[in-house]
Each structure stands twice: as structure tokens, then as C-alpha cells.
Amino acid sequence: MTLRLTDEQERALALLAEVDQVSKQEATVRAIMETAARRVHSARVRELSAGARARYADLLDRLGQ
């Protein structure tokens, strides 16, 4: 796989790698994994929240009065 980065993106990646004291390849992998985990978690929280709001809609309405 080839990763094409702008100069700005290359600098940002180099900074990530330097801060974490890892290679740029490892910094890239970590960034991908962390982003994926965050997005999956956020989606799950939204899903559970929507379900809870639907399930407890009557109760939430009464509490709001």
C-alpha cells in the first residue's frame, strides 16, 4: 500500500511518531486503530441512546413537566 501525504500531513505524521517515539508506519497504524475505535464507540453510544430515549419516552416526558 502506498500512502500519499501532503507536506502538512507528512509533518503531522512525523510529529505523532516523534511524540510516541515510534516509526511513522506505527504512528499511522495507531492513528487508524484509535480513530476506528472512537467511531465505532460513538456509533454504539448513539444507537443505545436512541433506544433508551424511545424506550423511556413517556417517563422522560413526565420528568420534563
Protein backbone atom coordinates (compact mmCIF):
# COMPACT_ATOMS: atom_id res chain seq x y z
CA MET A 1 0.00 0.00 0.00
CA THR A 2 1.22 3.48 -0.81
CA LEU A 3 0.21 6.42 1.31
CA ARG A 4 0.41 9.79 -0.39
CA LEU A 5 0.53 12.73 2.01
CA THR A 6 0.75 16.47 1.59
CA ASP A 7 3.70 18.21 3.19
CA GLU A 8 1.48 19.31 6.06
CA GLN A 9 0.17 15.77 6.61
CA GLU A 10 3.74 14.43 6.49
CA ARG A 11 4.81 16.91 9.18
CA ALA A 12 1.83 15.96 11.35
CA LEU A 13 2.64 12.27 10.98
CA ALA A 14 6.29 12.91 11.82
CA LEU A 15 5.22 14.78 14.95
CA LEU A 16 2.93 11.92 16.01
CA ALA A 17 5.73 9.44 15.53
CA GLU A 18 8.19 11.61 17.43
CA VAL A 19 5.83 12.20 20.37
CA ASP A 20 5.05 8.49 20.67
CA GLN A 21 8.66 7.51 19.91
CA VAL A 22 7.60 5.10 17.18
CA SER A 23 8.09 4.82 13.45
CA LYS A 24 5.83 6.75 11.10
CA GLN A 25 4.39 3.41 9.98
CA GLU A 26 3.49 2.54 13.58
CA ALA A 27 2.09 6.02 14.17
CA THR A 28 -0.11 5.57 11.08
CA VAL A 29 -1.39 2.20 12.27
CA ARG A 30 -2.12 3.57 15.76
CA ALA A 31 -3.96 6.58 14.34
CA ILE A 32 -6.11 4.32 12.17
CA MET A 33 -6.92 1.96 15.05
CA GLU A 34 -7.69 4.77 17.51
CA THR A 35 -9.95 6.54 15.04
CA ALA A 36 -11.80 3.33 14.19
CA ALA A 37 -12.30 2.52 17.88
CA ARG A 38 -13.61 6.04 18.61
CA ARG A 39 -16.03 6.00 15.69
CA VAL A 40 -17.38 2.54 16.49
CA HIS A 41 -17.79 3.53 20.15
CA SER A 42 -19.56 6.78 19.24
CA ALA A 43 -21.91 4.97 16.88
CA ARG A 44 -22.75 2.41 19.57
CA VAL A 45 -23.41 5.14 22.15
CA ARG A 46 -25.74 6.94 19.69
CA GLU A 47 -27.54 3.66 19.00
CA LEU A 48 -28.01 2.85 22.68
CA SER A 49 -29.06 6.42 23.47
CA ALA A 50 -31.71 6.39 20.75
CA GLY A 51 -33.04 3.09 22.05
CA ALA A 52 -33.19 4.37 25.62
CA ARG A 53 -34.93 7.58 24.55
CA ALA A 54 -37.54 5.56 22.65
CA ARG A 55 -37.99 3.07 25.47
CA TYR A 56 -38.33 5.71 28.19
CA ALA A 57 -40.04 8.46 26.14
CA ASP A 58 -43.13 8.57 28.39
CA LEU A 59 -41.06 8.74 31.55
CA LEU A 60 -38.80 11.43 30.10
CA ASP A 61 -41.87 13.48 29.13
CA ARG A 62 -43.28 13.22 32.65
CA LEU A 63 -39.94 14.18 34.19
CA GLY A 64 -39.79 17.19 31.89
CA GLN A 65 -43.10 18.58 33.18
